[in-house]
Amino acid sequence: MGQTIKLARQERLWVFTVLPPVILNLVGLGVFGTYYALAAQRPELVAGIKSGQLAFVVYILLFVLEWALAIAVLLRLKQAGLSLSDFIAPPGSLWKFRWGPALLVFVLLNAIFAVYIARLWASGELQAFGDLAIWQRLFIVALLPVTAGFGEELIWRGYVITQLEARGRGWWSAVLLAAISFALLHGLYLPDKLLVTFLLGIVAGFYFIRERNLIPLMVTHTFLDLWGNGLLLIL
């Protein structure tokens, strides 16, 4: 995938890199800030609301926002005359990636996330979503992982990195800036999660720069979110 989308609206890359983290962080701060403020001052007003329900509201926003951005990328591809398969991987090599690097990035990304989850577990900070309804659980374990795997890799690795390169950024600068945006998307107010998603973004970005194929990243990301979300639902 060496092709870059060349459009007249290239200057609007901030819509993909800056706007999503700002929206999600403001909404997250508003939802949780209001909840905990009321819990401290007027607990009777939020007595029937569980933290899992608040997180679910943010997940819904994340789902809608990421699909909106993914659709925007797909429309840009169509306008530029590029197919999705040729954007995801070099022409004719969609499933012909190198297995060695693919397995390495799969293991490394899952290991980083597993260490993060283990730390939360050991410290008692791991918050399960036991108060969610069946349809909410299905949404989190079935739809969110696919959205993250396809949408986040398409946007923050495939689109953002290549567009930064097209603007004259070196590969390291492109990977770094994309990783910062990706990390901020997952919560400015959660320093440990901010750090781990930044590391995940760096590793995924470096793999993409070397291999130019999003398929292993999409599969890995989907699997990672599948077991991570599933774990939170069964605790």
Protein backbone atom coordinates (compact mmCIF):
# COMPACT_ATOMS: atom_id res chain seq x y z
CA MET A 1 0.00 0.00 0.00
CA GLY A 2 2.05 2.90 -1.19
CA GLN A 3 -0.86 4.82 -2.66
CA THR A 4 -1.92 8.13 -1.13
CA ILE A 5 -5.36 9.65 -1.47
CA LYS A 6 -4.83 12.94 -3.28
CA LEU A 7 -7.82 15.18 -2.82
CA ALA A 8 -8.48 18.89 -2.70
CA ARG A 9 -9.50 18.54 0.95
CA GLN A 10 -6.25 17.10 2.21
CA GLU A 11 -5.87 19.97 4.67
CA ARG A 12 -8.76 18.52 6.70
CA LEU A 13 -6.69 15.74 8.20
CA TRP A 14 -7.44 17.29 11.60
CA VAL A 15 -10.95 15.90 11.24
CA PHE A 16 -9.43 12.44 11.65
CA THR A 17 -6.61 13.21 14.08
CA VAL A 18 -7.77 16.01 16.38
CA LEU A 19 -11.56 16.18 16.31
CA PRO A 20 -12.35 12.55 17.36
CA PRO A 21 -10.19 12.63 20.54
CA VAL A 22 -11.62 16.04 21.47
CA ILE A 23 -15.22 14.86 21.06
CA LEU A 24 -14.77 11.59 22.95
CA ASN A 25 -12.78 13.10 25.80
CA LEU A 26 -15.25 15.94 26.29
CA VAL A 27 -18.19 13.55 26.27
CA GLY A 28 -16.40 11.12 28.58
CA LEU A 29 -15.48 13.86 31.02
CA GLY A 30 -19.00 15.23 30.89
CA VAL A 31 -20.69 11.87 31.44
CA PHE A 32 -18.42 10.54 34.18
CA GLY A 33 -17.74 13.94 35.75
CA THR A 34 -21.45 14.64 36.10
CA TYR A 35 -22.11 11.15 37.46
CA TYR A 36 -19.42 11.27 40.15
CA ALA A 37 -20.29 14.84 41.10
CA LEU A 38 -23.91 13.83 41.61
CA ALA A 39 -22.87 10.66 43.42
CA ALA A 40 -20.98 12.81 45.91
CA GLN A 41 -23.56 15.58 46.32
CA ARG A 42 -26.92 14.06 45.39
CA PRO A 43 -26.46 10.26 45.41
CA GLU A 44 -30.22 9.63 45.24
CA LEU A 45 -30.28 11.04 41.71
CA VAL A 46 -27.85 8.43 40.35
CA ALA A 47 -28.62 5.55 42.71
CA GLY A 48 -29.97 3.33 39.91
CA ILE A 49 -27.20 4.06 37.41
CA LYS A 50 -24.19 1.74 37.22
CA SER A 51 -20.77 2.75 35.89
CA GLY A 52 -21.04 0.11 33.18
CA GLN A 53 -24.03 1.93 31.72
CA LEU A 54 -22.03 5.14 31.57
CA ALA A 55 -19.19 3.38 29.77
CA PHE A 56 -21.71 1.92 27.35
CA VAL A 57 -22.87 5.43 26.39
CA VAL A 58 -19.29 6.33 25.51
CA TYR A 59 -18.90 3.05 23.57
CA ILE A 60 -21.96 3.90 21.50
CA LEU A 61 -20.48 7.29 20.63
CA LEU A 62 -17.15 5.67 19.77
CA PHE A 63 -18.93 3.16 17.52
CA VAL A 64 -20.84 5.87 15.63
CA LEU A 65 -17.84 8.18 15.36
CA GLU A 66 -15.44 5.52 14.07
CA TRP A 67 -17.87 4.27 11.44
CA ALA A 68 -18.52 7.85 10.32
CA LEU A 69 -14.76 8.36 9.90
CA ALA A 70 -14.33 4.99 8.18
CA ILE A 71 -17.11 5.85 5.73
CA ALA A 72 -15.43 9.20 5.11
CA VAL A 73 -12.21 7.38 4.23
CA LEU A 74 -14.10 5.01 1.91
CA LEU A 75 -15.69 7.97 0.15
CA ARG A 76 -12.27 9.56 -0.30
CA LEU A 77 -11.02 6.29 -1.76
CA LYS A 78 -13.88 6.22 -4.23
CA GLN A 79 -13.31 9.85 -5.17
CA ALA A 80 -9.61 9.16 -5.73
CA GLY A 81 -10.37 6.08 -7.85
CA LEU A 82 -8.79 3.61 -5.42
CA SER A 83 -10.27 0.29 -4.38
CA LEU A 84 -10.47 -0.66 -0.72
CA SER A 85 -8.36 -3.78 -1.27
CA ASP A 86 -5.59 -1.82 -2.98
CA PHE A 87 -5.63 0.72 -0.15
CA ILE A 88 -5.42 -1.95 2.55
CA ALA A 89 -2.55 -3.80 0.87
CA PRO A 90 -0.38 -3.56 -2.26
CA PRO A 91 -2.29 -4.66 -5.38
CA GLY A 92 -2.61 -8.45 -5.58
CA SER A 93 -1.22 -9.09 -2.09
CA LEU A 94 -4.25 -8.64 0.17
CA TRP A 95 -3.74 -12.03 1.87
CA LYS A 96 -0.15 -12.59 0.79
CA PHE A 97 1.55 -10.91 3.71
CA ARG A 98 4.71 -12.21 5.37
CA TRP A 99 3.72 -14.58 8.18
CA GLY A 100 6.79 -13.95 10.33
CA PRO A 101 6.22 -10.21 10.90
CA ALA A 102 2.44 -10.78 11.07
CA LEU A 103 2.78 -13.34 13.88
CA LEU A 104 5.31 -11.14 15.65
CA VAL A 105 3.00 -8.11 15.68
CA PHE A 106 0.09 -10.34 16.75
CA VAL A 107 2.01 -11.66 19.75
CA LEU A 108 3.54 -8.30 20.67
CA LEU A 109 0.30 -6.31 20.59
CA ASN A 110 -1.57 -8.96 22.58
CA ALA A 111 1.28 -9.21 25.08
CA ILE A 112 1.33 -5.43 25.68
CA PHE A 113 -2.40 -5.39 26.26
CA ALA A 114 -2.29 -8.50 28.46
CA VAL A 115 0.30 -6.86 30.72
CA TYR A 116 -1.95 -3.82 31.02
CA ILE A 117 -5.00 -5.94 31.92
CA ALA A 118 -2.94 -7.97 34.42
CA ARG A 119 -1.78 -4.77 36.12
CA LEU A 120 -5.36 -3.55 36.43
CA TRP A 121 -6.42 -6.91 37.81
CA ALA A 122 -3.62 -7.02 40.37
CA SER A 123 -4.34 -3.48 41.56
CA GLY A 124 -8.09 -4.03 41.75
CA GLU A 125 -8.74 -1.34 39.14
CA LEU A 126 -10.26 -3.67 36.55
CA GLN A 127 -13.91 -2.69 36.20
CA ALA A 128 -16.25 -5.35 34.87
CA PHE A 129 -19.53 -4.64 33.08
CA GLY A 130 -21.74 -7.09 34.91
CA ASP A 131 -24.72 -4.71 34.94
CA LEU A 132 -25.24 -4.67 31.17
CA ALA A 133 -28.22 -6.22 29.39
CA ILE A 134 -27.75 -9.11 26.94
CA TRP A 135 -28.07 -6.87 23.87
CA GLN A 136 -25.46 -4.50 25.33
CA ARG A 137 -23.09 -7.40 25.97
CA LEU A 138 -23.53 -8.64 22.41
CA PHE A 139 -22.80 -5.15 21.10
CA ILE A 140 -19.57 -4.92 23.12
CA VAL A 141 -18.30 -8.42 22.32
CA ALA A 142 -19.43 -8.65 18.67
CA LEU A 143 -19.70 -5.22 17.07
CA LEU A 144 -17.08 -3.15 18.92
CA PRO A 145 -14.12 -5.49 18.15
CA VAL A 146 -14.96 -5.47 14.43
CA THR A 147 -15.36 -1.69 14.48
CA ALA A 148 -12.00 -1.27 16.22
CA GLY A 149 -10.21 -3.83 14.05
CA PHE A 150 -11.43 -2.50 10.74
CA GLY A 151 -12.14 1.15 11.45
CA GLU A 152 -9.26 2.15 13.70
CA GLU A 153 -6.62 0.44 11.56
CA LEU A 154 -8.11 1.83 8.35
CA ILE A 155 -8.16 5.35 9.80
CA TRP A 156 -5.13 5.70 12.10
CA ARG A 157 -2.72 3.40 10.34
CA GLY A 158 -3.88 3.30 6.72
CA TYR A 159 -5.23 6.80 6.18
CA VAL A 160 -3.55 9.04 8.74
CA ILE A 161 -0.03 7.68 8.33
CA THR A 162 -0.08 7.78 4.52
CA GLN A 163 -1.55 11.28 4.50
CA LEU A 164 1.10 12.50 6.93
CA GLU A 165 3.75 10.99 4.68
CA ALA A 166 2.17 12.77 1.71
CA ARG A 167 2.58 16.03 3.61
CA GLY A 168 6.33 15.46 3.85
CA ARG A 169 6.51 13.81 7.26
CA GLY A 170 9.17 11.15 7.74
CA TRP A 171 7.97 7.66 8.59
CA TRP A 172 8.86 7.98 12.28
CA SER A 173 7.09 11.32 12.60
CA ALA A 174 4.01 9.94 10.82
CA VAL A 175 3.87 6.89 13.11
CA LEU A 176 4.38 9.02 16.21
CA LEU A 177 1.67 11.57 15.38
CA ALA A 178 -0.81 8.85 14.40
CA ALA A 179 -0.07 6.99 17.65
CA ILE A 180 -0.62 10.14 19.72
CA SER A 181 -4.00 10.76 18.08
CA PHE A 182 -4.94 7.08 18.50
CA ALA A 183 -3.97 7.13 22.19
CA LEU A 184 -5.85 10.36 22.94
CA LEU A 185 -8.95 8.81 21.39
CA HIS A 186 -8.97 6.23 24.19
CA GLY A 187 -8.99 8.63 27.11
CA LEU A 188 -6.89 11.60 28.09
CA TYR A 189 -8.12 11.21 31.67
CA LEU A 190 -6.80 7.62 31.96
CA PRO A 191 -2.97 7.94 31.97
CA ASP A 192 -2.26 4.20 32.04
CA LYS A 193 -4.64 3.50 29.15
CA LEU A 194 -3.22 6.49 27.32
CA LEU A 195 0.27 5.00 27.60
CA VAL A 196 -0.68 1.47 26.55
CA THR A 197 -2.70 2.61 23.53
CA PHE A 198 0.20 4.86 22.53
CA LEU A 199 2.55 1.84 22.63
CA LEU A 200 0.04 -0.21 20.65
CA GLY A 201 -0.14 2.59 18.08
CA ILE A 202 3.64 2.78 17.78
CA VAL A 203 4.01 -0.98 17.25
CA ALA A 204 1.10 -1.16 14.78
CA GLY A 205 2.35 1.92 12.93
CA PHE A 206 5.87 0.55 12.62
CA TYR A 207 4.50 -2.74 11.27
CA PHE A 208 2.40 -0.87 8.73
CA ILE A 209 5.36 1.22 7.58
CA ARG A 210 7.44 -1.94 7.08
CA GLU A 211 4.82 -4.24 5.55
CA ARG A 212 2.18 -1.88 4.06
CA ASN A 213 -0.58 -4.40 4.73
CA LEU A 214 -3.45 -3.70 7.13
CA ILE A 215 -4.93 -7.22 7.16
CA PRO A 216 -2.71 -8.60 9.98
CA LEU A 217 -3.32 -5.44 12.01
CA MET A 218 -7.08 -5.64 11.49
CA VAL A 219 -7.18 -9.31 12.51
CA THR A 220 -4.93 -8.72 15.52
CA HIS A 221 -6.85 -5.67 16.69
CA THR A 222 -10.18 -7.47 16.38
CA PHE A 223 -8.89 -10.46 18.35
CA LEU A 224 -7.38 -8.23 21.04
CA ASP A 225 -10.62 -6.33 21.57
CA LEU A 226 -12.64 -9.55 21.44
CA TRP A 227 -10.86 -11.19 24.37
CA GLY A 228 -10.39 -7.91 26.23
CA ASN A 229 -14.07 -6.96 26.05
CA GLY A 230 -15.14 -10.54 26.69
CA LEU A 231 -13.04 -10.67 29.85
CA LEU A 232 -14.72 -7.56 31.22
CA LEU A 233 -18.13 -9.07 30.58
CA ILE A 234 -17.54 -12.38 32.38
CA LEU A 235 -15.86 -11.00 35.52
